[in-house]
Amino acid sequence: MNCLSDRRLIVLTFLLVAPLPSRAQDPLGVEVLESSHRNWDAITVRVKNVTNQVITLAVPFNIARDGSSTVLPLPIDVERREGAEWKLCLPTVHRLPSQTMTLNLHGKQTRTFLFGVSGPGQYRVRVWYIADPGDLGPPKRLPDFESVVSQPFEVIPHESIPTDALPALAALCLRPLRLCGTIKPSR
C-alpha cells in the first residue's frame, strides 16, 4: 500500500472508532401541569432535579434592546411564540418564593412555581441553572449558565360578555330595573 492509502485508512479508522459527541440528559425536568390555560390564570410549573447531585437554579437578569432590565424573583423565563421565533415576555402574576426557599435543588427534589400571562398564544417556560460555578482564579473563570425548556402550552382568552351586549349592560347599571312584588318574611 502506498502512503496516501495508509493515511486514508488511519483517518477512516479514527472516525469509526472515535466516540461521537452526544448531549447528555438534561439535569432538570420542567413540566407545565396543563397544556391549556386561560388568560391571567395561575400556571403551575414543576421543576425536578433528575440527578443525584445538588443543582442551583439561577434567576435570570434580562436586558432589553432599549436598555431596560427585568429581574423576576423566579428562576424562569417565559417565552411566547411569535412566528417562527420564541420571544421573552413578562409574566403578569407570580407567587414569590418564600424568604426561606433556597435555589438549591437536591437530588430528585421538586420545586413548584406559579405565574400567569396576559394575551392568548403559545408559550413555554425556560428554567435556568448553574452548569459550572466558575472559579475566582487565577485564571479567573466566569460561571456557566444553562437552561431547560418546557413543552409549549396554550393560553386562551377568558369567555367574556359579547361586545354587542356591553351598551345594554352599561345602561342597566346606570338605570337598574325597578323591582315589584311582595317580600315574604321568613319564619
N, C-alpha and C. Protein backbone atom coordinates (compact mmCIF):
# COMPACT_ATOMS: atom_id res chain seq x y z
N MET A 1 0.84 -1.19 0.00
CA MET A 1 0.00 0.00 0.00
C MET A 1 0.88 1.23 0.00
N ASN A 2 0.36 2.25 -0.61
CA ASN A 2 1.16 3.47 -0.63
C ASN A 2 0.82 4.35 0.58
N CYS A 3 1.56 5.40 0.74
CA CYS A 3 1.45 6.28 1.91
C CYS A 3 0.08 6.96 1.96
N LEU A 4 -0.47 7.36 0.80
CA LEU A 4 -1.76 8.06 0.76
C LEU A 4 -2.89 7.15 1.22
N SER A 5 -2.91 5.90 0.78
CA SER A 5 -3.97 4.99 1.20
C SER A 5 -3.84 4.63 2.67
N ASP A 6 -2.58 4.59 3.21
CA ASP A 6 -2.40 4.35 4.65
C ASP A 6 -3.01 5.48 5.47
N ARG A 7 -2.83 6.72 5.04
CA ARG A 7 -3.40 7.87 5.75
C ARG A 7 -4.93 7.82 5.72
N ARG A 8 -5.48 7.45 4.57
CA ARG A 8 -6.95 7.36 4.46
C ARG A 8 -7.47 6.28 5.41
N LEU A 9 -6.76 5.17 5.50
CA LEU A 9 -7.17 4.09 6.38
C LEU A 9 -7.11 4.54 7.84
N ILE A 10 -6.09 5.29 8.21
CA ILE A 10 -5.94 5.78 9.59
C ILE A 10 -7.07 6.77 9.90
N VAL A 11 -7.34 7.69 9.00
CA VAL A 11 -8.41 8.67 9.21
C VAL A 11 -9.76 7.97 9.30
N LEU A 12 -10.03 7.03 8.42
CA LEU A 12 -11.29 6.30 8.42
C LEU A 12 -11.44 5.50 9.71
N THR A 13 -10.37 4.86 10.16
CA THR A 13 -10.40 4.11 11.42
C THR A 13 -10.67 5.04 12.59
N PHE A 14 -10.04 6.21 12.61
CA PHE A 14 -10.24 7.17 13.68
C PHE A 14 -11.71 7.63 13.72
N LEU A 15 -12.28 7.91 12.56
CA LEU A 15 -13.67 8.34 12.51
C LEU A 15 -14.64 7.26 12.97
N LEU A 16 -14.34 6.01 12.68
CA LEU A 16 -15.22 4.92 13.08
C LEU A 16 -15.07 4.57 14.56
N VAL A 17 -13.89 4.73 15.12
CA VAL A 17 -13.63 4.33 16.49
C VAL A 17 -13.86 5.48 17.47
N ALA A 18 -13.63 6.71 17.06
CA ALA A 18 -13.76 7.86 17.96
C ALA A 18 -15.21 8.01 18.41
N PRO A 19 -15.42 8.29 19.70
CA PRO A 19 -16.78 8.47 20.19
C PRO A 19 -17.41 9.73 19.61
N LEU A 20 -18.66 9.64 19.27
CA LEU A 20 -19.36 10.79 18.74
C LEU A 20 -19.84 11.66 19.89
N PRO A 21 -19.73 12.97 19.76
CA PRO A 21 -20.21 13.83 20.84
C PRO A 21 -21.73 13.69 20.95
N SER A 22 -22.21 13.55 22.16
CA SER A 22 -23.65 13.45 22.36
C SER A 22 -24.05 14.33 23.52
N ARG A 23 -25.25 14.83 23.46
CA ARG A 23 -25.75 15.69 24.51
C ARG A 23 -26.24 14.82 25.64
N ALA A 24 -25.73 15.08 26.82
CA ALA A 24 -26.17 14.33 28.00
C ALA A 24 -27.60 14.72 28.34
N GLN A 25 -28.25 13.89 29.10
CA GLN A 25 -29.61 14.18 29.51
C GLN A 25 -29.63 15.46 30.34
N ASP A 26 -30.67 16.28 30.15
CA ASP A 26 -30.81 17.49 30.94
C ASP A 26 -30.95 17.12 32.41
N PRO A 27 -30.31 17.87 33.31
CA PRO A 27 -30.38 17.54 34.73
C PRO A 27 -31.70 17.94 35.38
N LEU A 28 -32.52 18.72 34.67
CA LEU A 28 -33.79 19.16 35.21
C LEU A 28 -34.94 18.70 34.32
N GLY A 29 -36.04 18.37 34.96
CA GLY A 29 -37.28 18.12 34.25
C GLY A 29 -38.18 19.33 34.47
N VAL A 30 -38.71 19.91 33.40
CA VAL A 30 -39.58 21.08 33.52
C VAL A 30 -40.94 20.71 32.96
N GLU A 31 -41.96 20.80 33.81
CA GLU A 31 -43.29 20.37 33.41
C GLU A 31 -44.31 21.46 33.74
N VAL A 32 -45.03 21.91 32.71
CA VAL A 32 -46.18 22.78 32.91
C VAL A 32 -47.36 21.84 33.08
N LEU A 33 -48.11 22.00 34.20
CA LEU A 33 -49.07 20.97 34.58
C LEU A 33 -50.22 20.77 33.60
N GLU A 34 -50.65 21.76 32.89
CA GLU A 34 -51.72 21.59 31.91
C GLU A 34 -51.26 22.16 30.58
N SER A 35 -51.83 21.65 29.50
CA SER A 35 -51.40 22.11 28.17
C SER A 35 -52.18 23.33 27.70
N SER A 36 -53.26 23.69 28.40
CA SER A 36 -54.07 24.85 28.02
C SER A 36 -54.50 25.60 29.27
N HIS A 37 -54.36 26.92 29.22
CA HIS A 37 -54.69 27.78 30.36
C HIS A 37 -55.48 28.97 29.86
N ARG A 38 -56.23 29.58 30.74
CA ARG A 38 -56.95 30.81 30.40
C ARG A 38 -56.07 32.01 30.70
N ASN A 39 -56.31 33.06 29.98
CA ASN A 39 -55.62 34.33 30.16
C ASN A 39 -55.71 34.76 31.62
N TRP A 40 -54.60 35.17 32.23
CA TRP A 40 -54.46 35.67 33.60
C TRP A 40 -54.52 34.58 34.66
N ASP A 41 -54.89 33.35 34.34
CA ASP A 41 -54.96 32.29 35.35
C ASP A 41 -53.57 31.88 35.80
N ALA A 42 -53.49 31.34 37.00
CA ALA A 42 -52.21 30.85 37.52
C ALA A 42 -51.78 29.61 36.76
N ILE A 43 -50.55 29.59 36.31
CA ILE A 43 -49.96 28.47 35.59
C ILE A 43 -48.93 27.85 36.52
N THR A 44 -49.03 26.55 36.72
CA THR A 44 -48.14 25.85 37.64
C THR A 44 -47.05 25.14 36.85
N VAL A 45 -45.81 25.37 37.27
CA VAL A 45 -44.65 24.73 36.66
C VAL A 45 -43.92 23.94 37.75
N ARG A 46 -43.63 22.69 37.45
CA ARG A 46 -42.83 21.86 38.35
C ARG A 46 -41.44 21.68 37.77
N VAL A 47 -40.44 21.93 38.59
CA VAL A 47 -39.05 21.76 38.19
C VAL A 47 -38.48 20.65 39.07
N LYS A 48 -38.00 19.59 38.44
CA LYS A 48 -37.48 18.44 39.19
C LYS A 48 -36.02 18.21 38.85
N ASN A 49 -35.21 18.03 39.87
CA ASN A 49 -33.82 17.64 39.70
C ASN A 49 -33.82 16.13 39.44
N VAL A 50 -33.44 15.71 38.25
CA VAL A 50 -33.48 14.29 37.90
C VAL A 50 -32.15 13.59 38.21
N THR A 51 -31.19 14.33 38.76
CA THR A 51 -29.89 13.75 39.11
C THR A 51 -29.83 13.48 40.61
N ASN A 52 -28.71 12.98 41.06
CA ASN A 52 -28.48 12.78 42.49
C ASN A 52 -27.63 13.90 43.09
N GLN A 53 -27.17 14.84 42.27
CA GLN A 53 -26.35 15.95 42.74
C GLN A 53 -27.24 17.17 43.03
N VAL A 54 -26.68 18.11 43.78
CA VAL A 54 -27.38 19.37 44.05
C VAL A 54 -27.22 20.26 42.82
N ILE A 55 -28.33 20.84 42.36
CA ILE A 55 -28.31 21.77 41.24
C ILE A 55 -28.82 23.11 41.74
N THR A 56 -28.10 24.17 41.42
CA THR A 56 -28.50 25.51 41.85
C THR A 56 -29.20 26.22 40.69
N LEU A 57 -30.45 26.62 40.93
CA LEU A 57 -31.19 27.37 39.93
C LEU A 57 -30.66 28.80 39.91
N ALA A 58 -30.83 29.48 38.78
CA ALA A 58 -30.33 30.85 38.62
C ALA A 58 -31.48 31.75 38.21
N VAL A 59 -31.57 32.92 38.84
CA VAL A 59 -32.59 33.90 38.50
C VAL A 59 -32.06 34.72 37.33
N PRO A 60 -32.76 34.71 36.17
CA PRO A 60 -32.24 35.43 35.00
C PRO A 60 -32.34 36.94 35.15
N PHE A 61 -31.35 37.63 34.65
CA PHE A 61 -31.32 39.09 34.59
C PHE A 61 -31.33 39.43 33.12
N ASN A 62 -32.45 39.98 32.64
CA ASN A 62 -32.62 40.23 31.21
C ASN A 62 -32.51 41.72 30.92
N ILE A 63 -31.74 42.05 29.89
CA ILE A 63 -31.59 43.44 29.45
C ILE A 63 -32.16 43.55 28.05
N ALA A 64 -33.16 44.43 27.89
CA ALA A 64 -33.82 44.64 26.60
C ALA A 64 -32.97 45.52 25.70
N ARG A 65 -33.34 45.58 24.44
CA ARG A 65 -32.59 46.40 23.48
C ARG A 65 -32.63 47.89 23.83
N ASP A 66 -33.72 48.31 24.48
CA ASP A 66 -33.83 49.72 24.85
C ASP A 66 -33.05 50.05 26.12
N GLY A 67 -32.38 49.06 26.71
CA GLY A 67 -31.56 49.27 27.89
C GLY A 67 -32.28 48.98 29.20
N SER A 68 -33.59 48.77 29.15
CA SER A 68 -34.30 48.45 30.39
C SER A 68 -33.97 47.02 30.81
N SER A 69 -34.06 46.78 32.10
CA SER A 69 -33.72 45.45 32.60
C SER A 69 -34.91 44.86 33.36
N THR A 70 -34.94 43.55 33.41
CA THR A 70 -36.01 42.83 34.08
C THR A 70 -35.40 41.76 34.96
N VAL A 71 -35.78 41.76 36.21
CA VAL A 71 -35.39 40.70 37.12
C VAL A 71 -36.65 40.21 37.79
N LEU A 72 -36.98 38.96 37.61
CA LEU A 72 -38.10 38.35 38.30
C LEU A 72 -37.54 37.52 39.44
N PRO A 73 -38.27 37.39 40.52
CA PRO A 73 -37.73 36.59 41.63
C PRO A 73 -37.90 35.09 41.41
N LEU A 74 -38.04 34.69 40.15
CA LEU A 74 -38.19 33.28 39.81
C LEU A 74 -37.04 32.86 38.90
N PRO A 75 -36.62 31.60 38.98
CA PRO A 75 -35.53 31.14 38.10
C PRO A 75 -36.04 30.71 36.73
N ILE A 76 -37.01 31.44 36.19
CA ILE A 76 -37.59 31.07 34.90
C ILE A 76 -37.71 32.28 33.99
N ASP A 77 -37.73 32.01 32.72
CA ASP A 77 -38.12 32.97 31.70
C ASP A 77 -39.36 32.40 31.05
N VAL A 78 -40.30 33.28 30.70
CA VAL A 78 -41.49 32.87 29.96
C VAL A 78 -41.31 33.41 28.55
N GLU A 79 -41.46 32.53 27.56
CA GLU A 79 -41.26 32.90 26.16
C GLU A 79 -42.56 32.65 25.39
N ARG A 80 -42.85 33.57 24.47
CA ARG A 80 -44.06 33.48 23.65
C ARG A 80 -43.64 33.28 22.19
N ARG A 81 -44.36 32.40 21.49
CA ARG A 81 -44.06 32.16 20.08
C ARG A 81 -44.61 33.32 19.25
N GLU A 82 -43.73 33.91 18.47
CA GLU A 82 -44.10 34.96 17.52
C GLU A 82 -43.54 34.54 16.18
N GLY A 83 -44.41 33.97 15.35
CA GLY A 83 -43.98 33.41 14.07
C GLY A 83 -43.14 32.17 14.33
N ALA A 84 -41.92 32.17 13.80
CA ALA A 84 -41.03 31.01 14.00
C ALA A 84 -40.12 31.18 15.21
N GLU A 85 -40.18 32.34 15.88
CA GLU A 85 -39.26 32.64 16.98
C GLU A 85 -39.98 32.60 18.32
N TRP A 86 -39.20 32.36 19.37
CA TRP A 86 -39.68 32.46 20.74
C TRP A 86 -39.12 33.74 21.32
N LYS A 87 -40.00 34.62 21.81
CA LYS A 87 -39.57 35.91 22.36
C LYS A 87 -39.89 35.97 23.84
N LEU A 88 -38.99 36.57 24.59
CA LEU A 88 -39.14 36.72 26.02
C LEU A 88 -40.32 37.62 26.32
N CYS A 89 -41.15 37.23 27.29
CA CYS A 89 -42.26 38.08 27.73
C CYS A 89 -42.32 38.06 29.25
N LEU A 90 -43.00 39.02 29.82
CA LEU A 90 -43.08 39.11 31.27
C LEU A 90 -44.32 38.40 31.79
N PRO A 91 -44.17 37.58 32.80
CA PRO A 91 -45.36 37.02 33.44
C PRO A 91 -46.11 38.15 34.15
N THR A 92 -47.43 38.02 34.23
CA THR A 92 -48.23 39.07 34.85
C THR A 92 -48.36 38.88 36.35
N VAL A 93 -48.52 37.66 36.78
CA VAL A 93 -48.62 37.38 38.21
C VAL A 93 -47.72 36.20 38.50
N HIS A 94 -47.26 36.15 39.70
CA HIS A 94 -46.47 35.00 40.10
C HIS A 94 -46.47 34.91 41.62
N ARG A 95 -46.27 33.74 42.11
CA ARG A 95 -46.13 33.57 43.56
C ARG A 95 -44.66 33.70 43.88
N LEU A 96 -44.38 34.65 44.73
CA LEU A 96 -42.99 34.86 45.11
C LEU A 96 -42.50 33.70 45.95
N PRO A 97 -41.29 33.27 45.71
CA PRO A 97 -40.73 32.23 46.57
C PRO A 97 -40.64 32.75 48.01
N SER A 98 -40.79 31.87 48.97
CA SER A 98 -40.70 32.29 50.37
C SER A 98 -39.28 32.72 50.67
N GLN A 99 -39.15 33.51 51.72
CA GLN A 99 -37.83 34.02 52.09
C GLN A 99 -36.86 32.89 52.44
N THR A 100 -37.41 31.78 52.95
CA THR A 100 -36.54 30.69 53.37
C THR A 100 -36.22 29.72 52.23
N MET A 101 -36.88 29.89 51.08
CA MET A 101 -36.65 28.97 49.98
C MET A 101 -35.28 29.22 49.35
N THR A 102 -34.54 28.17 49.18
CA THR A 102 -33.24 28.27 48.55
C THR A 102 -33.39 27.90 47.07
N LEU A 103 -32.45 28.32 46.27
CA LEU A 103 -32.45 27.96 44.85
C LEU A 103 -31.70 26.65 44.60
N ASN A 104 -31.28 26.00 45.67
CA ASN A 104 -30.61 24.70 45.53
C ASN A 104 -31.66 23.60 45.49
N LEU A 105 -31.57 22.75 44.47
CA LEU A 105 -32.44 21.58 44.35
C LEU A 105 -31.58 20.34 44.62
N HIS A 106 -31.89 19.64 45.68
CA HIS A 106 -31.15 18.41 45.99
C HIS A 106 -31.61 17.31 45.05
N GLY A 107 -30.88 16.21 45.01
CA GLY A 107 -31.19 15.10 44.11
C GLY A 107 -32.63 14.64 44.23
N LYS A 108 -33.31 14.56 43.10
CA LYS A 108 -34.70 14.08 42.97
C LYS A 108 -35.72 15.02 43.62
N GLN A 109 -35.31 16.21 44.04
CA GLN A 109 -36.23 17.17 44.66
C GLN A 109 -37.01 17.92 43.59
N THR A 110 -38.25 18.29 43.93
CA THR A 110 -39.11 19.04 43.01
C THR A 110 -39.49 20.37 43.65
N ARG A 111 -39.53 21.41 42.84
CA ARG A 111 -39.95 22.73 43.29
C ARG A 111 -41.06 23.21 42.36
N THR A 112 -42.07 23.89 42.91
CA THR A 112 -43.21 24.37 42.13
C THR A 112 -43.20 25.90 42.08
N PHE A 113 -43.47 26.45 40.90
CA PHE A 113 -43.56 27.89 40.71
C PHE A 113 -44.90 28.21 40.05
N LEU A 114 -45.48 29.37 40.39
CA LEU A 114 -46.74 29.83 39.79
C LEU A 114 -46.52 31.16 39.12
N PHE A 115 -47.14 31.35 37.96
CA PHE A 115 -47.10 32.62 37.27
C PHE A 115 -48.32 32.69 36.36
N GLY A 116 -48.55 33.81 35.73
CA GLY A 116 -49.62 33.97 34.77
C GLY A 116 -49.14 34.81 33.61
N VAL A 117 -49.88 34.79 32.53
CA VAL A 117 -49.54 35.62 31.38
C VAL A 117 -50.81 36.29 30.87
N SER A 118 -50.63 37.43 30.23
CA SER A 118 -51.77 38.10 29.59
C SER A 118 -51.57 38.02 28.09
N GLY A 119 -52.61 37.65 27.43
CA GLY A 119 -52.57 37.56 25.98
C GLY A 119 -52.57 36.12 25.52
N PRO A 120 -53.52 35.80 24.66
CA PRO A 120 -53.57 34.43 24.15
C PRO A 120 -52.38 34.14 23.24
N GLY A 121 -52.02 32.87 23.16
CA GLY A 121 -50.92 32.47 22.30
C GLY A 121 -50.27 31.20 22.81
N GLN A 122 -49.16 30.85 22.18
CA GLN A 122 -48.40 29.67 22.57
C GLN A 122 -47.18 30.13 23.36
N TYR A 123 -46.96 29.51 24.51
CA TYR A 123 -45.89 29.89 25.42
C TYR A 123 -45.06 28.66 25.79
N ARG A 124 -43.89 28.93 26.38
CA ARG A 124 -43.08 27.89 27.00
C ARG A 124 -42.29 28.54 28.14
N VAL A 125 -41.76 27.69 29.01
CA VAL A 125 -41.00 28.15 30.16
C VAL A 125 -39.57 27.67 30.01
N ARG A 126 -38.62 28.55 30.33
CA ARG A 126 -37.19 28.21 30.31
C ARG A 126 -36.68 28.35 31.75
N VAL A 127 -36.14 27.28 32.29
CA VAL A 127 -35.62 27.28 33.66
C VAL A 127 -34.10 27.30 33.59
N TRP A 128 -33.49 28.24 34.32
CA TRP A 128 -32.04 28.43 34.29
C TRP A 128 -31.38 27.78 35.50
N TYR A 129 -30.18 27.26 35.29
CA TYR A 129 -29.40 26.68 36.38
C TYR A 129 -27.91 26.93 36.13
N ILE A 130 -27.13 26.77 37.20
CA ILE A 130 -25.68 26.96 37.11
C ILE A 130 -25.05 25.64 36.71
N ALA A 131 -24.50 25.59 35.50
CA ALA A 131 -23.85 24.37 35.00
C ALA A 131 -22.42 24.25 35.53
N ASP A 132 -21.75 25.39 35.69
CA ASP A 132 -20.38 25.41 36.22
C ASP A 132 -20.25 26.69 37.04
N PRO A 133 -19.94 26.58 38.33
CA PRO A 133 -19.89 27.79 39.17
C PRO A 133 -18.72 28.70 38.86
N GLY A 134 -17.82 28.27 38.03
CA GLY A 134 -16.67 29.10 37.69
C GLY A 134 -15.62 29.06 38.78
N ASP A 135 -14.63 29.94 38.68
CA ASP A 135 -13.53 29.96 39.63
C ASP A 135 -12.99 31.39 39.66
N LEU A 136 -12.74 31.88 40.88
CA LEU A 136 -12.21 33.24 41.00
C LEU A 136 -10.76 33.35 40.58
N GLY A 137 -10.13 32.19 40.38
CA GLY A 137 -8.82 32.20 39.73
C GLY A 137 -7.66 32.06 40.66
N PRO A 138 -6.48 32.34 40.18
CA PRO A 138 -6.18 32.50 38.76
C PRO A 138 -6.09 31.16 38.04
N PRO A 139 -6.37 31.05 36.82
CA PRO A 139 -7.03 32.05 35.98
C PRO A 139 -8.52 32.11 36.32
N LYS A 140 -9.07 33.28 36.18
CA LYS A 140 -10.47 33.52 36.51
C LYS A 140 -11.38 32.90 35.45
N ARG A 141 -12.38 32.14 35.92
CA ARG A 141 -13.39 31.56 35.02
C ARG A 141 -14.76 32.02 35.48
N LEU A 142 -15.53 32.60 34.58
CA LEU A 142 -16.88 33.05 34.91
C LEU A 142 -17.81 31.85 35.01
N PRO A 143 -18.92 31.98 35.77
CA PRO A 143 -19.89 30.88 35.85
C PRO A 143 -20.52 30.60 34.49
N ASP A 144 -20.93 29.37 34.31
CA ASP A 144 -21.59 28.95 33.07
C ASP A 144 -23.04 28.60 33.42
N PHE A 145 -23.99 29.24 32.72
CA PHE A 145 -25.40 29.01 32.96
C PHE A 145 -26.00 28.25 31.78
N GLU A 146 -26.90 27.33 32.07
CA GLU A 146 -27.62 26.61 31.02
C GLU A 146 -29.10 26.62 31.38
N SER A 147 -29.92 26.17 30.43
CA SER A 147 -31.36 26.18 30.68
C SER A 147 -32.02 24.94 30.09
N VAL A 148 -33.19 24.66 30.61
CA VAL A 148 -34.02 23.57 30.12
C VAL A 148 -35.38 24.18 29.79
N VAL A 149 -35.96 23.76 28.66
CA VAL A 149 -37.20 24.35 28.18
C VAL A 149 -38.34 23.35 28.33
N SER A 150 -39.51 23.87 28.70
CA SER A 150 -40.70 23.03 28.83
C SER A 150 -41.33 22.78 27.46
N GLN A 151 -42.29 21.89 27.43
CA GLN A 151 -43.12 21.71 26.24
C GLN A 151 -43.98 22.96 26.08
N PRO A 152 -44.32 23.36 24.87
CA PRO A 152 -45.19 24.53 24.69
C PRO A 152 -46.58 24.28 25.27
N PHE A 153 -47.22 25.37 25.69
CA PHE A 153 -48.59 25.30 26.19
C PHE A 153 -49.37 26.49 25.64
N GLU A 154 -50.68 26.36 25.62
CA GLU A 154 -51.55 27.39 25.05
C GLU A 154 -52.17 28.25 26.15
N VAL A 155 -52.34 29.52 25.86
CA VAL A 155 -53.12 30.42 26.70
C VAL A 155 -54.25 30.94 25.84
N ILE A 156 -55.48 30.74 26.32
CA ILE A 156 -56.66 31.15 25.57
C ILE A 156 -57.38 32.25 26.34
N PRO A 157 -58.13 33.12 25.64
CA PRO A 157 -58.82 34.20 26.35
C PRO A 157 -59.96 33.66 27.21
N HIS A 158 -60.28 34.41 28.27
CA HIS A 158 -61.46 34.09 29.07
C HIS A 158 -62.71 34.35 28.23
N GLU A 159 -63.76 33.58 28.52
CA GLU A 159 -65.02 33.92 27.89
C GLU A 159 -65.44 35.26 28.48
N SER A 160 -65.97 36.11 27.66
CA SER A 160 -66.37 37.43 28.15
C SER A 160 -67.74 37.79 27.59
N ILE A 161 -68.24 38.89 28.05
CA ILE A 161 -69.52 39.37 27.56
C ILE A 161 -69.33 39.82 26.11
N PRO A 162 -70.22 39.39 25.20
CA PRO A 162 -70.07 39.82 23.81
C PRO A 162 -70.09 41.34 23.70
N THR A 163 -69.29 41.87 22.78
CA THR A 163 -69.15 43.31 22.61
C THR A 163 -70.48 43.99 22.34
N ASP A 164 -71.35 43.34 21.54
CA ASP A 164 -72.62 43.99 21.21
C ASP A 164 -73.57 44.04 22.42
N ALA A 165 -73.32 43.30 23.48
CA ALA A 165 -74.16 43.33 24.68
C ALA A 165 -73.68 44.36 25.70
N LEU A 166 -72.48 44.90 25.54
CA LEU A 166 -71.93 45.83 26.52
C LEU A 166 -72.75 47.11 26.68
N PRO A 167 -73.26 47.78 25.60
CA PRO A 167 -74.05 49.00 25.81
C PRO A 167 -75.31 48.74 26.64
N ALA A 168 -75.98 47.64 26.38
CA ALA A 168 -77.20 47.33 27.14
C ALA A 168 -76.86 47.06 28.59
N LEU A 169 -75.74 46.38 28.85
CA LEU A 169 -75.34 46.09 30.21
C LEU A 169 -74.95 47.37 30.94
N ALA A 170 -74.27 48.29 30.26
CA ALA A 170 -73.90 49.57 30.86
C ALA A 170 -75.14 50.39 31.19
N ALA A 171 -76.14 50.38 30.29
CA ALA A 171 -77.38 51.11 30.54
C ALA A 171 -78.11 50.51 31.74
N LEU A 172 -78.09 49.22 31.88
CA LEU A 172 -78.74 48.56 33.01
C LEU A 172 -78.06 48.95 34.33
N CYS A 173 -76.77 49.12 34.32
CA CYS A 173 -76.06 49.52 35.53
C CYS A 173 -76.40 50.95 35.92
N LEU A 174 -76.59 51.84 34.91
CA LEU A 174 -76.93 53.23 35.21
C LEU A 174 -78.37 53.37 35.68
N ARG A 175 -79.29 52.61 35.11
CA ARG A 175 -80.71 52.66 35.47
C ARG A 175 -81.19 51.25 35.80
N PRO A 176 -80.95 50.81 37.04
CA PRO A 176 -81.35 49.44 37.38
C PRO A 176 -82.87 49.28 37.28
N LEU A 177 -83.30 48.09 37.02
CA LEU A 177 -84.72 47.79 36.92
C LEU A 177 -85.39 47.98 38.28
N ARG A 178 -86.64 48.47 38.24
CA ARG A 178 -87.41 48.60 39.47
C ARG A 178 -88.06 47.27 39.74
N LEU A 179 -87.88 46.79 40.92
CA LEU A 179 -88.48 45.52 41.28
C LEU A 179 -89.85 45.76 41.89
N CYS A 180 -90.77 44.92 41.53
CA CYS A 180 -92.09 45.00 42.15
C CYS A 180 -92.47 43.62 42.63
N GLY A 181 -93.29 43.55 43.64
CA GLY A 181 -93.69 42.27 44.20
C GLY A 181 -93.82 42.38 45.71
N THR A 182 -94.05 41.28 46.31
CA THR A 182 -94.24 41.24 47.76
C THR A 182 -93.07 40.50 48.37
N ILE A 183 -92.53 41.09 49.40
CA ILE A 183 -91.44 40.43 50.12
C ILE A 183 -92.07 39.60 51.21
N LYS A 184 -91.82 38.35 51.21
CA LYS A 184 -92.38 37.43 52.20
C LYS A 184 -91.38 37.25 53.32
N PRO A 185 -91.74 37.61 54.54
CA PRO A 185 -90.79 37.43 55.63
C PRO A 185 -90.56 35.96 55.92
N SER A 186 -89.38 35.63 56.32
CA SER A 186 -89.08 34.23 56.66
C SER A 186 -89.48 33.96 58.09
N ARG A 187 -89.89 32.75 58.38
CA ARG A 187 -90.32 32.41 59.73
C ARG A 187 -89.21 31.83 60.52
